[in-house]
Amino acid sequence: MTPEEAVAEQERLRPRVVTTTDPDLVVRHVAGLDVSYADDDRLVAAAVVLDADSLETVDSAVVHGRAGFPYVPGLFAFRELPSLLDALAKLTVPPDLLVCDGQGLAHPRRFGLACHVGVLTDLPSVGVAKTPMGRFDPPGEERGAVSDLVDDGEVVGRALRTRAGVKPVFVSVGHRIDLDRACSEVLRLCVHRLPETTRRSDSLGRAHLR
């Protein structure tokens, strides 16, 4: 797929994104998704499933692969999706929610990695990024404080303070969840600045990157 075809694919899939939460959604198991890269085009995709209440790891999977798409801003998902979907397919504990290390609606075409993987799997998904894609006012210093993340006059996510006095993370909807619920689910996954789903999938991927 060329970059032009990838943009067309994002435009084709974007209308499928659902930004509301099923009233019956109960999140018992949450999967964190992350990809680690070597100096060449080798990569390891990791999926780690946590018990949402205890934060204990209950399942995990890794997939070794190679990036088959160039690094193009706004098209990052096309480098990571094939291996991430393979890792999800290897899980034996089905997740109720996916947490991606990246963006959801906070994306130039409102279709970041969390939206893409959510639409393809039809699972609720959230993007949690370390850097903002848009403007925001600093949230309050207390844990749980939020402020809107705005791009081109549109609220695309929130800056969320996950620990008092620590830099916020940036939460955006991926699929089948609303922004309020997305922030509350991310907050309960956070012991440190980043959610445990992200921390453990990152650690697992790096450990297998040889």
N, C-alpha and C. Protein backbone atom coordinates (compact mmCIF):
# COMPACT_ATOMS: atom_id res chain seq x y z
N MET A 1 0.84 -1.19 0.00
CA MET A 1 0.00 0.00 0.00
C MET A 1 0.88 1.24 0.00
N THR A 2 0.59 2.18 -0.89
CA THR A 2 1.33 3.43 -0.94
C THR A 2 0.79 4.39 0.12
N PRO A 3 1.56 5.43 0.48
CA PRO A 3 1.02 6.42 1.42
C PRO A 3 -0.30 7.02 0.95
N GLU A 4 -0.46 7.24 -0.34
CA GLU A 4 -1.72 7.79 -0.85
C GLU A 4 -2.87 6.81 -0.65
N GLU A 5 -2.59 5.54 -0.87
CA GLU A 5 -3.62 4.51 -0.65
C GLU A 5 -3.94 4.39 0.84
N ALA A 6 -2.93 4.56 1.69
CA ALA A 6 -3.16 4.48 3.13
C ALA A 6 -4.06 5.62 3.61
N VAL A 7 -3.83 6.82 3.09
CA VAL A 7 -4.70 7.94 3.43
C VAL A 7 -6.14 7.65 2.99
N ALA A 8 -6.29 7.11 1.81
CA ALA A 8 -7.62 6.76 1.31
C ALA A 8 -8.29 5.70 2.20
N GLU A 9 -7.49 4.77 2.69
CA GLU A 9 -8.03 3.74 3.59
C GLU A 9 -8.50 4.36 4.91
N GLN A 10 -7.74 5.29 5.45
CA GLN A 10 -8.18 5.98 6.66
C GLN A 10 -9.49 6.73 6.42
N GLU A 11 -9.58 7.40 5.30
CA GLU A 11 -10.81 8.14 4.98
C GLU A 11 -12.00 7.18 4.81
N ARG A 12 -11.74 6.01 4.27
CA ARG A 12 -12.81 5.02 4.07
C ARG A 12 -13.31 4.46 5.39
N LEU A 13 -12.39 4.21 6.32
CA LEU A 13 -12.75 3.57 7.59
C LEU A 13 -13.23 4.56 8.65
N ARG A 14 -12.84 5.81 8.53
CA ARG A 14 -13.14 6.79 9.57
C ARG A 14 -14.62 6.88 9.93
N PRO A 15 -15.56 6.83 8.97
CA PRO A 15 -16.97 6.93 9.33
C PRO A 15 -17.47 5.78 10.21
N ARG A 16 -16.70 4.71 10.32
CA ARG A 16 -17.12 3.57 11.15
C ARG A 16 -16.85 3.78 12.63
N VAL A 17 -16.06 4.79 12.97
CA VAL A 17 -15.72 5.03 14.38
C VAL A 17 -16.98 5.40 15.17
N VAL A 18 -17.15 4.75 16.30
CA VAL A 18 -18.27 5.01 17.21
C VAL A 18 -17.69 5.69 18.46
N THR A 19 -18.26 6.85 18.83
CA THR A 19 -17.72 7.61 19.96
C THR A 19 -18.65 7.61 21.17
N THR A 20 -19.51 6.60 21.24
CA THR A 20 -20.37 6.40 22.40
C THR A 20 -20.04 5.06 23.04
N THR A 21 -20.43 4.91 24.30
CA THR A 21 -20.15 3.70 25.05
C THR A 21 -21.41 2.85 25.16
N ASP A 22 -21.28 1.58 24.88
CA ASP A 22 -22.38 0.66 25.10
C ASP A 22 -22.75 0.72 26.58
N PRO A 23 -24.03 0.97 26.93
CA PRO A 23 -24.40 1.07 28.35
C PRO A 23 -24.15 -0.21 29.13
N ASP A 24 -24.00 -1.32 28.44
CA ASP A 24 -23.74 -2.59 29.13
C ASP A 24 -22.26 -2.93 29.22
N LEU A 25 -21.37 -2.01 28.79
CA LEU A 25 -19.95 -2.31 28.80
C LEU A 25 -19.42 -2.46 30.22
N VAL A 26 -18.87 -3.62 30.50
CA VAL A 26 -18.16 -3.88 31.76
C VAL A 26 -16.73 -4.24 31.40
N VAL A 27 -15.79 -3.49 31.93
CA VAL A 27 -14.39 -3.72 31.61
C VAL A 27 -13.75 -4.54 32.72
N ARG A 28 -13.56 -5.82 32.43
CA ARG A 28 -12.89 -6.71 33.38
C ARG A 28 -11.44 -6.95 32.99
N HIS A 29 -11.20 -7.04 31.70
CA HIS A 29 -9.84 -7.29 31.21
C HIS A 29 -9.48 -6.23 30.17
N VAL A 30 -8.30 -5.66 30.34
CA VAL A 30 -7.82 -4.58 29.47
C VAL A 30 -6.51 -5.02 28.83
N ALA A 31 -6.41 -4.85 27.51
CA ALA A 31 -5.17 -5.20 26.80
C ALA A 31 -4.40 -3.93 26.45
N GLY A 32 -3.12 -3.94 26.78
CA GLY A 32 -2.22 -2.88 26.36
C GLY A 32 -1.47 -3.32 25.12
N LEU A 33 -1.34 -2.41 24.15
CA LEU A 33 -0.68 -2.73 22.88
C LEU A 33 0.51 -1.79 22.68
N ASP A 34 1.64 -2.37 22.29
CA ASP A 34 2.82 -1.54 22.06
C ASP A 34 3.74 -2.25 21.08
N VAL A 35 4.51 -1.47 20.33
CA VAL A 35 5.47 -2.01 19.39
C VAL A 35 6.85 -1.44 19.70
N SER A 36 7.85 -2.33 19.79
CA SER A 36 9.23 -1.92 19.99
C SER A 36 10.00 -2.15 18.70
N TYR A 37 10.94 -1.25 18.42
CA TYR A 37 11.69 -1.29 17.17
C TYR A 37 13.18 -1.47 17.41
N ALA A 38 13.81 -2.26 16.54
CA ALA A 38 15.27 -2.35 16.51
C ALA A 38 15.80 -1.22 15.65
N ASP A 39 17.13 -1.15 15.50
CA ASP A 39 17.74 -0.11 14.68
C ASP A 39 17.43 -0.29 13.20
N ASP A 40 17.15 -1.54 12.80
CA ASP A 40 16.75 -1.77 11.41
C ASP A 40 15.22 -1.81 11.36
N ASP A 41 14.63 -2.56 10.45
CA ASP A 41 13.17 -2.57 10.33
C ASP A 41 12.51 -3.68 11.15
N ARG A 42 13.28 -4.36 12.00
CA ARG A 42 12.70 -5.40 12.85
C ARG A 42 11.86 -4.75 13.96
N LEU A 43 10.79 -5.46 14.35
CA LEU A 43 9.94 -4.97 15.42
C LEU A 43 9.38 -6.14 16.22
N VAL A 44 8.92 -5.82 17.41
CA VAL A 44 8.19 -6.77 18.25
C VAL A 44 6.91 -6.11 18.70
N ALA A 45 5.78 -6.72 18.38
CA ALA A 45 4.48 -6.25 18.85
C ALA A 45 4.09 -7.03 20.10
N ALA A 46 3.68 -6.32 21.13
CA ALA A 46 3.33 -6.97 22.40
C ALA A 46 1.90 -6.59 22.80
N ALA A 47 1.18 -7.59 23.28
CA ALA A 47 -0.15 -7.37 23.85
C ALA A 47 -0.16 -7.99 25.24
N VAL A 48 -0.53 -7.21 26.23
CA VAL A 48 -0.57 -7.69 27.62
C VAL A 48 -1.95 -7.42 28.18
N VAL A 49 -2.59 -8.45 28.73
CA VAL A 49 -3.93 -8.32 29.28
C VAL A 49 -3.85 -8.25 30.80
N LEU A 50 -4.48 -7.22 31.36
CA LEU A 50 -4.51 -7.03 32.81
C LEU A 50 -5.93 -7.21 33.33
N ASP A 51 -6.02 -7.71 34.56
CA ASP A 51 -7.27 -7.64 35.29
C ASP A 51 -7.50 -6.18 35.65
N ALA A 52 -8.62 -5.62 35.26
CA ALA A 52 -8.83 -4.18 35.42
C ALA A 52 -8.91 -3.75 36.87
N ASP A 53 -9.30 -4.64 37.77
CA ASP A 53 -9.42 -4.27 39.18
C ASP A 53 -8.11 -4.46 39.94
N SER A 54 -7.47 -5.60 39.78
CA SER A 54 -6.25 -5.88 40.53
C SER A 54 -4.99 -5.42 39.82
N LEU A 55 -5.08 -5.17 38.51
CA LEU A 55 -3.94 -4.83 37.65
C LEU A 55 -2.93 -5.96 37.54
N GLU A 56 -3.36 -7.17 37.84
CA GLU A 56 -2.49 -8.33 37.63
C GLU A 56 -2.48 -8.71 36.16
N THR A 57 -1.34 -9.13 35.66
CA THR A 57 -1.23 -9.60 34.29
C THR A 57 -1.84 -11.00 34.19
N VAL A 58 -2.79 -11.19 33.26
CA VAL A 58 -3.46 -12.48 33.14
C VAL A 58 -3.18 -13.16 31.80
N ASP A 59 -2.58 -12.43 30.85
CA ASP A 59 -2.28 -13.04 29.55
C ASP A 59 -1.34 -12.10 28.80
N SER A 60 -0.59 -12.65 27.86
CA SER A 60 0.28 -11.82 27.03
C SER A 60 0.65 -12.58 25.77
N ALA A 61 1.08 -11.82 24.78
CA ALA A 61 1.51 -12.41 23.51
C ALA A 61 2.47 -11.45 22.84
N VAL A 62 3.44 -12.02 22.13
CA VAL A 62 4.38 -11.20 21.35
C VAL A 62 4.46 -11.76 19.93
N VAL A 63 4.72 -10.86 19.00
CA VAL A 63 4.89 -11.25 17.60
C VAL A 63 6.11 -10.52 17.06
N HIS A 64 7.03 -11.27 16.46
CA HIS A 64 8.20 -10.69 15.81
C HIS A 64 7.85 -10.41 14.35
N GLY A 65 8.27 -9.26 13.87
CA GLY A 65 7.96 -8.92 12.49
C GLY A 65 8.92 -7.88 11.94
N ARG A 66 8.57 -7.36 10.80
CA ARG A 66 9.33 -6.28 10.17
C ARG A 66 8.36 -5.21 9.69
N ALA A 67 8.76 -3.99 9.82
CA ALA A 67 7.92 -2.89 9.37
C ALA A 67 7.82 -2.92 7.86
N GLY A 68 6.61 -3.07 7.35
CA GLY A 68 6.41 -3.16 5.91
C GLY A 68 5.89 -1.88 5.30
N PHE A 69 5.94 -0.80 6.08
CA PHE A 69 5.43 0.49 5.61
C PHE A 69 6.39 1.57 6.09
N PRO A 70 6.68 2.58 5.29
CA PRO A 70 7.62 3.61 5.72
C PRO A 70 7.06 4.47 6.85
N TYR A 71 7.96 5.17 7.54
CA TYR A 71 7.50 6.09 8.57
C TYR A 71 7.00 7.37 7.91
N VAL A 72 5.69 7.58 7.97
CA VAL A 72 5.06 8.77 7.40
C VAL A 72 4.17 9.36 8.48
N PRO A 73 4.36 10.62 8.85
CA PRO A 73 3.49 11.22 9.87
C PRO A 73 2.02 11.07 9.50
N GLY A 74 1.23 10.67 10.50
CA GLY A 74 -0.20 10.46 10.28
C GLY A 74 -0.58 9.09 9.78
N LEU A 75 0.45 8.28 9.41
CA LEU A 75 0.18 6.93 8.88
C LEU A 75 0.92 5.88 9.70
N PHE A 76 1.23 6.23 10.95
CA PHE A 76 2.03 5.34 11.79
C PHE A 76 1.36 3.98 11.99
N ALA A 77 0.03 3.96 12.00
CA ALA A 77 -0.69 2.71 12.25
C ALA A 77 -0.35 1.64 11.22
N PHE A 78 -0.04 2.06 10.00
CA PHE A 78 0.21 1.07 8.95
C PHE A 78 1.53 0.32 9.15
N ARG A 79 2.42 0.86 9.97
CA ARG A 79 3.65 0.15 10.33
C ARG A 79 3.38 -0.91 11.40
N GLU A 80 2.40 -0.63 12.27
CA GLU A 80 2.24 -1.42 13.49
C GLU A 80 1.05 -2.38 13.45
N LEU A 81 0.01 -2.04 12.69
CA LEU A 81 -1.23 -2.81 12.76
C LEU A 81 -1.08 -4.29 12.45
N PRO A 82 -0.39 -4.69 11.37
CA PRO A 82 -0.35 -6.12 11.06
C PRO A 82 0.16 -6.96 12.22
N SER A 83 1.25 -6.53 12.84
CA SER A 83 1.83 -7.30 13.95
C SER A 83 0.98 -7.20 15.21
N LEU A 84 0.38 -6.04 15.45
CA LEU A 84 -0.48 -5.91 16.63
C LEU A 84 -1.71 -6.80 16.52
N LEU A 85 -2.30 -6.88 15.33
CA LEU A 85 -3.46 -7.75 15.14
C LEU A 85 -3.08 -9.22 15.32
N ASP A 86 -1.88 -9.59 14.88
CA ASP A 86 -1.40 -10.96 15.09
C ASP A 86 -1.23 -11.24 16.58
N ALA A 87 -0.70 -10.27 17.32
CA ALA A 87 -0.52 -10.46 18.76
C ALA A 87 -1.87 -10.60 19.46
N LEU A 88 -2.84 -9.78 19.08
CA LEU A 88 -4.17 -9.90 19.67
C LEU A 88 -4.78 -11.26 19.40
N ALA A 89 -4.55 -11.79 18.21
CA ALA A 89 -5.11 -13.09 17.84
C ALA A 89 -4.53 -14.23 18.67
N LYS A 90 -3.36 -14.03 19.23
CA LYS A 90 -2.72 -15.07 20.03
C LYS A 90 -3.18 -15.09 21.48
N LEU A 91 -3.89 -14.07 21.91
CA LEU A 91 -4.35 -14.01 23.30
C LEU A 91 -5.40 -15.08 23.57
N THR A 92 -5.37 -15.61 24.77
CA THR A 92 -6.38 -16.59 25.19
C THR A 92 -7.42 -15.98 26.14
N VAL A 93 -7.12 -14.80 26.70
CA VAL A 93 -8.08 -14.07 27.52
C VAL A 93 -8.57 -12.88 26.71
N PRO A 94 -9.82 -12.90 26.26
CA PRO A 94 -10.31 -11.81 25.40
C PRO A 94 -10.44 -10.50 26.18
N PRO A 95 -9.87 -9.42 25.67
CA PRO A 95 -9.99 -8.13 26.37
C PRO A 95 -11.32 -7.45 26.10
N ASP A 96 -11.77 -6.67 27.09
CA ASP A 96 -12.97 -5.85 26.93
C ASP A 96 -12.64 -4.46 26.44
N LEU A 97 -11.37 -4.08 26.54
CA LEU A 97 -10.92 -2.75 26.15
C LEU A 97 -9.48 -2.83 25.69
N LEU A 98 -9.15 -2.09 24.63
CA LEU A 98 -7.78 -2.00 24.13
C LEU A 98 -7.23 -0.62 24.47
N VAL A 99 -6.00 -0.58 24.98
CA VAL A 99 -5.33 0.69 25.26
C VAL A 99 -4.08 0.75 24.40
N CYS A 100 -4.06 1.70 23.49
CA CYS A 100 -2.95 1.82 22.55
C CYS A 100 -1.97 2.90 22.99
N ASP A 101 -0.71 2.67 22.75
CA ASP A 101 0.31 3.67 22.99
C ASP A 101 0.36 4.59 21.77
N GLY A 102 -0.56 5.54 21.72
CA GLY A 102 -0.67 6.41 20.55
C GLY A 102 -1.99 7.16 20.57
N GLN A 103 -2.37 7.68 19.42
CA GLN A 103 -3.53 8.55 19.33
C GLN A 103 -4.76 7.80 18.83
N GLY A 104 -5.92 8.39 19.14
CA GLY A 104 -7.18 7.95 18.57
C GLY A 104 -7.71 9.04 17.65
N LEU A 105 -8.74 9.76 18.12
CA LEU A 105 -9.28 10.87 17.33
C LEU A 105 -8.32 12.06 17.26
N ALA A 106 -7.36 12.12 18.16
CA ALA A 106 -6.36 13.19 18.13
C ALA A 106 -5.35 12.91 17.02
N HIS A 107 -5.79 13.17 15.81
CA HIS A 107 -5.05 12.77 14.61
C HIS A 107 -5.48 13.70 13.48
N PRO A 108 -4.59 14.03 12.54
CA PRO A 108 -4.99 14.98 11.48
C PRO A 108 -6.26 14.58 10.73
N ARG A 109 -6.49 13.29 10.55
CA ARG A 109 -7.71 12.83 9.86
C ARG A 109 -8.69 12.17 10.83
N ARG A 110 -8.46 12.40 12.13
CA ARG A 110 -9.33 11.84 13.18
C ARG A 110 -9.41 10.33 13.09
N PHE A 111 -8.25 9.71 12.77
CA PHE A 111 -8.24 8.26 12.65
C PHE A 111 -6.84 7.73 12.97
N GLY A 112 -6.46 7.87 14.23
CA GLY A 112 -5.17 7.36 14.68
C GLY A 112 -5.19 5.87 14.94
N LEU A 113 -4.09 5.37 15.49
CA LEU A 113 -3.92 3.93 15.71
C LEU A 113 -5.06 3.34 16.52
N ALA A 114 -5.48 4.01 17.60
CA ALA A 114 -6.53 3.45 18.46
C ALA A 114 -7.86 3.33 17.71
N CYS A 115 -8.16 4.28 16.84
CA CYS A 115 -9.37 4.18 16.01
C CYS A 115 -9.25 3.01 15.04
N HIS A 116 -8.10 2.91 14.40
CA HIS A 116 -7.90 1.89 13.37
C HIS A 116 -8.01 0.48 13.95
N VAL A 117 -7.30 0.23 15.05
CA VAL A 117 -7.35 -1.11 15.63
C VAL A 117 -8.73 -1.39 16.23
N GLY A 118 -9.39 -0.36 16.76
CA GLY A 118 -10.73 -0.54 17.30
C GLY A 118 -11.74 -0.92 16.23
N VAL A 119 -11.69 -0.20 15.11
CA VAL A 119 -12.62 -0.49 14.02
C VAL A 119 -12.38 -1.89 13.44
N LEU A 120 -11.12 -2.26 13.26
CA LEU A 120 -10.82 -3.56 12.65
C LEU A 120 -11.18 -4.73 13.57
N THR A 121 -11.07 -4.54 14.88
CA THR A 121 -11.40 -5.62 15.82
C THR A 121 -12.82 -5.49 16.36
N ASP A 122 -13.44 -4.32 16.17
CA ASP A 122 -14.75 -3.98 16.73
C ASP A 122 -14.75 -4.08 18.25
N LEU A 123 -13.62 -3.69 18.87
CA LEU A 123 -13.50 -3.66 20.32
C LEU A 123 -13.39 -2.21 20.79
N PRO A 124 -13.92 -1.90 21.99
CA PRO A 124 -13.68 -0.58 22.56
C PRO A 124 -12.18 -0.32 22.67
N SER A 125 -11.77 0.88 22.29
CA SER A 125 -10.34 1.18 22.28
C SER A 125 -10.09 2.63 22.65
N VAL A 126 -8.91 2.86 23.23
CA VAL A 126 -8.52 4.18 23.71
C VAL A 126 -7.08 4.42 23.30
N GLY A 127 -6.77 5.65 22.93
CA GLY A 127 -5.39 6.04 22.68
C GLY A 127 -4.86 6.82 23.87
N VAL A 128 -3.67 6.47 24.33
CA VAL A 128 -3.00 7.21 25.41
C VAL A 128 -1.62 7.60 24.90
N ALA A 129 -1.41 8.88 24.70
CA ALA A 129 -0.16 9.37 24.13
C ALA A 129 0.64 10.16 25.16
N LYS A 130 1.95 10.18 24.96
CA LYS A 130 2.83 10.92 25.86
C LYS A 130 2.94 12.37 25.45
N THR A 131 2.67 12.66 24.18
CA THR A 131 2.76 14.03 23.67
C THR A 131 1.43 14.42 23.04
N PRO A 132 1.08 15.71 23.08
CA PRO A 132 -0.23 16.13 22.58
C PRO A 132 -0.26 16.31 21.08
N MET A 133 -1.42 16.10 20.50
CA MET A 133 -1.68 16.42 19.10
C MET A 133 -2.78 17.48 19.13
N GLY A 134 -2.37 18.72 19.44
CA GLY A 134 -3.32 19.80 19.59
C GLY A 134 -2.89 20.71 20.74
N ARG A 135 -3.73 21.66 21.05
CA ARG A 135 -3.46 22.63 22.12
C ARG A 135 -4.25 22.25 23.36
N PHE A 136 -3.70 22.60 24.53
CA PHE A 136 -4.39 22.35 25.79
C PHE A 136 -3.89 23.30 26.86
N ASP A 137 -4.75 23.59 27.81
CA ASP A 137 -4.34 24.31 29.00
C ASP A 137 -3.91 23.28 30.04
N PRO A 138 -2.86 23.56 30.82
CA PRO A 138 -2.45 22.59 31.83
C PRO A 138 -3.59 22.26 32.77
N PRO A 139 -3.86 20.96 32.99
CA PRO A 139 -4.90 20.61 33.96
C PRO A 139 -4.43 20.91 35.38
N GLY A 140 -5.35 20.85 36.34
CA GLY A 140 -4.97 21.02 37.74
C GLY A 140 -3.90 20.03 38.16
N GLU A 141 -3.23 20.31 39.25
CA GLU A 141 -2.10 19.48 39.67
C GLU A 141 -2.52 18.16 40.34
N GLU A 142 -3.79 18.04 40.71
CA GLU A 142 -4.23 16.85 41.43
C GLU A 142 -4.48 15.69 40.48
N ARG A 143 -4.34 14.47 40.99
CA ARG A 143 -4.63 13.27 40.20
C ARG A 143 -6.08 13.31 39.72
N GLY A 144 -6.27 13.03 38.45
CA GLY A 144 -7.60 13.01 37.87
C GLY A 144 -8.02 14.31 37.21
N ALA A 145 -7.22 15.37 37.36
CA ALA A 145 -7.56 16.64 36.72
C ALA A 145 -7.43 16.51 35.21
N VAL A 146 -8.32 17.19 34.49
CA VAL A 146 -8.32 17.11 33.02
C VAL A 146 -8.48 18.49 32.41
N SER A 147 -8.06 18.59 31.15
CA SER A 147 -8.37 19.76 30.33
C SER A 147 -8.52 19.29 28.90
N ASP A 148 -9.28 20.04 28.12
CA ASP A 148 -9.55 19.63 26.75
C ASP A 148 -8.32 19.76 25.86
N LEU A 149 -8.17 18.79 24.97
CA LEU A 149 -7.15 18.83 23.92
C LEU A 149 -7.88 19.25 22.63
N VAL A 150 -7.45 20.36 22.04
CA VAL A 150 -8.19 20.98 20.94
C VAL A 150 -7.32 21.05 19.70
N ASP A 151 -7.89 20.65 18.57
CA ASP A 151 -7.21 20.74 17.28
C ASP A 151 -8.17 21.31 16.26
N ASP A 152 -7.77 22.39 15.59
CA ASP A 152 -8.63 23.06 14.61
C ASP A 152 -10.01 23.38 15.17
N GLY A 153 -10.04 23.82 16.42
CA GLY A 153 -11.29 24.21 17.05
C GLY A 153 -12.17 23.07 17.54
N GLU A 154 -11.68 21.84 17.44
CA GLU A 154 -12.46 20.65 17.81
C GLU A 154 -11.79 19.95 19.00
N VAL A 155 -12.61 19.56 19.98
CA VAL A 155 -12.08 18.78 21.10
C VAL A 155 -11.80 17.36 20.62
N VAL A 156 -10.54 16.97 20.62
CA VAL A 156 -10.15 15.65 20.10
C VAL A 156 -9.67 14.71 21.20
N GLY A 157 -9.59 15.20 22.45
CA GLY A 157 -9.14 14.37 23.55
C GLY A 157 -8.99 15.21 24.80
N ARG A 158 -8.27 14.67 25.77
CA ARG A 158 -8.06 15.39 27.03
C ARG A 158 -6.64 15.15 27.53
N ALA A 159 -6.11 16.20 28.14
CA ALA A 159 -4.91 16.05 28.96
C ALA A 159 -5.37 15.56 30.32
N LEU A 160 -4.81 14.44 30.77
CA LEU A 160 -5.23 13.80 32.02
C LEU A 160 -4.04 13.69 32.96
N ARG A 161 -4.20 14.25 34.16
CA ARG A 161 -3.16 14.16 35.18
C ARG A 161 -3.34 12.84 35.93
N THR A 162 -2.43 11.91 35.72
CA THR A 162 -2.57 10.58 36.32
C THR A 162 -1.88 10.45 37.66
N ARG A 163 -0.96 11.40 37.96
CA ARG A 163 -0.33 11.48 39.28
C ARG A 163 -0.17 12.95 39.63
N ALA A 164 -0.35 13.27 40.89
CA ALA A 164 -0.23 14.66 41.31
C ALA A 164 1.16 15.20 40.99
N GLY A 165 1.19 16.36 40.35
CA GLY A 165 2.45 17.02 40.07
C GLY A 165 3.28 16.41 38.97
N VAL A 166 2.74 15.43 38.25
CA VAL A 166 3.46 14.76 37.17
C VAL A 166 2.84 15.18 35.83
N LYS A 167 3.65 15.25 34.78
CA LYS A 167 3.14 15.66 33.47
C LYS A 167 1.94 14.81 33.07
N PRO A 168 0.93 15.42 32.43
CA PRO A 168 -0.26 14.66 32.03
C PRO A 168 0.03 13.73 30.85
N VAL A 169 -0.88 12.80 30.64
CA VAL A 169 -0.92 12.03 29.40
C VAL A 169 -2.09 12.56 28.58
N PHE A 170 -2.19 12.10 27.34
CA PHE A 170 -3.19 12.65 26.43
C PHE A 170 -4.07 11.51 25.91
N VAL A 171 -5.31 11.55 26.35
CA VAL A 171 -6.28 10.48 26.09
C VAL A 171 -7.19 10.90 24.94
N SER A 172 -7.37 10.01 23.98
CA SER A 172 -8.35 10.26 22.93
C SER A 172 -9.12 8.97 22.63
N VAL A 173 -10.36 9.16 22.23
CA VAL A 173 -11.25 8.04 21.92
C VAL A 173 -10.72 7.29 20.70
N GLY A 174 -10.77 5.95 20.79
CA GLY A 174 -10.47 5.13 19.63
C GLY A 174 -11.73 4.65 18.95
N HIS A 175 -12.54 3.86 19.68
CA HIS A 175 -13.75 3.28 19.10
C HIS A 175 -14.62 2.74 20.22
N ARG A 176 -15.93 2.90 20.08
CA ARG A 176 -16.95 2.31 20.97
C ARG A 176 -16.78 2.71 22.43
N ILE A 177 -16.35 3.95 22.66
CA ILE A 177 -16.24 4.47 24.02
C ILE A 177 -16.29 6.00 23.92
N ASP A 178 -16.82 6.64 24.97
CA ASP A 178 -16.85 8.10 24.99
C ASP A 178 -15.66 8.63 25.78
N LEU A 179 -15.42 9.93 25.68
CA LEU A 179 -14.21 10.49 26.27
C LEU A 179 -14.21 10.44 27.79
N ASP A 180 -15.37 10.66 28.42
CA ASP A 180 -15.44 10.58 29.88
C ASP A 180 -15.07 9.17 30.36
N ARG A 181 -15.66 8.18 29.74
CA ARG A 181 -15.39 6.79 30.15
C ARG A 181 -13.94 6.43 29.83
N ALA A 182 -13.44 6.90 28.69
CA ALA A 182 -12.05 6.60 28.33
C ALA A 182 -11.10 7.12 29.40
N CYS A 183 -11.34 8.35 29.86
CA CYS A 183 -10.45 8.93 30.89
C CYS A 183 -10.56 8.18 32.21
N SER A 184 -11.76 7.77 32.58
CA SER A 184 -11.91 7.06 33.85
C SER A 184 -11.26 5.68 33.80
N GLU A 185 -11.34 5.01 32.66
CA GLU A 185 -10.71 3.70 32.53
C GLU A 185 -9.18 3.84 32.54
N VAL A 186 -8.67 4.86 31.87
CA VAL A 186 -7.21 5.07 31.86
C VAL A 186 -6.72 5.40 33.26
N LEU A 187 -7.46 6.25 33.97
CA LEU A 187 -7.01 6.66 35.31
C LEU A 187 -6.90 5.48 36.26
N ARG A 188 -7.82 4.56 36.19
CA ARG A 188 -7.74 3.44 37.13
C ARG A 188 -6.64 2.44 36.76
N LEU A 189 -6.08 2.58 35.58
CA LEU A 189 -4.96 1.73 35.18
C LEU A 189 -3.61 2.34 35.56
N CYS A 190 -3.63 3.54 36.12
CA CYS A 190 -2.38 4.27 36.35
C CYS A 190 -1.93 4.21 37.81
N VAL A 191 -0.77 3.62 38.01
CA VAL A 191 -0.07 3.69 39.28
C VAL A 191 1.04 4.73 39.16
N HIS A 192 1.67 4.75 37.99
CA HIS A 192 2.68 5.75 37.65
C HIS A 192 2.05 6.71 36.63
N ARG A 193 2.88 7.45 35.91
CA ARG A 193 2.32 8.40 34.93
C ARG A 193 1.56 7.68 33.83
N LEU A 194 2.16 6.62 33.27
CA LEU A 194 1.53 5.89 32.17
C LEU A 194 0.71 4.73 32.70
N PRO A 195 -0.35 4.33 31.99
CA PRO A 195 -1.13 3.18 32.44
C PRO A 195 -0.28 1.92 32.46
N GLU A 196 -0.62 1.02 33.37
CA GLU A 196 0.15 -0.23 33.50
C GLU A 196 0.09 -1.05 32.21
N THR A 197 -1.00 -0.92 31.47
CA THR A 197 -1.09 -1.62 30.18
C THR A 197 0.05 -1.21 29.26
N THR A 198 0.31 0.08 29.19
CA THR A 198 1.38 0.59 28.34
C THR A 198 2.74 0.20 28.90
N ARG A 199 2.93 0.36 30.18
CA ARG A 199 4.23 0.05 30.79
C ARG A 199 4.61 -1.42 30.60
N ARG A 200 3.64 -2.30 30.77
CA ARG A 200 3.97 -3.73 30.69
C ARG A 200 4.10 -4.22 29.26
N SER A 201 3.29 -3.70 28.35
CA SER A 201 3.45 -4.11 26.96
C SER A 201 4.77 -3.57 26.40
N ASP A 202 5.15 -2.36 26.79
CA ASP A 202 6.44 -1.81 26.37
C ASP A 202 7.59 -2.65 26.91
N SER A 203 7.51 -3.01 28.18
CA SER A 203 8.58 -3.82 28.79
C SER A 203 8.68 -5.19 28.14
N LEU A 204 7.53 -5.81 27.86
CA LEU A 204 7.53 -7.13 27.24
C LEU A 204 8.12 -7.06 25.84
N GLY A 205 7.73 -6.06 25.07
CA GLY A 205 8.24 -5.93 23.72
C GLY A 205 9.75 -5.72 23.69
N ARG A 206 10.24 -4.86 24.58
CA ARG A 206 11.67 -4.59 24.62
C ARG A 206 12.47 -5.83 25.03
N ALA A 207 11.89 -6.62 25.93
CA ALA A 207 12.58 -7.82 26.40
C ALA A 207 12.74 -8.85 25.29
N HIS A 208 11.83 -8.82 24.32
CA HIS A 208 11.89 -9.80 23.21
C HIS A 208 12.56 -9.24 21.96
N LEU A 209 13.02 -8.00 22.04
CA LEU A 209 13.67 -7.40 20.88
C LEU A 209 15.16 -7.72 20.93
N ARG A 210 15.55 -8.73 20.22
CA ARG A 210 16.95 -9.20 20.23
C ARG A 210 17.56 -9.04 18.86
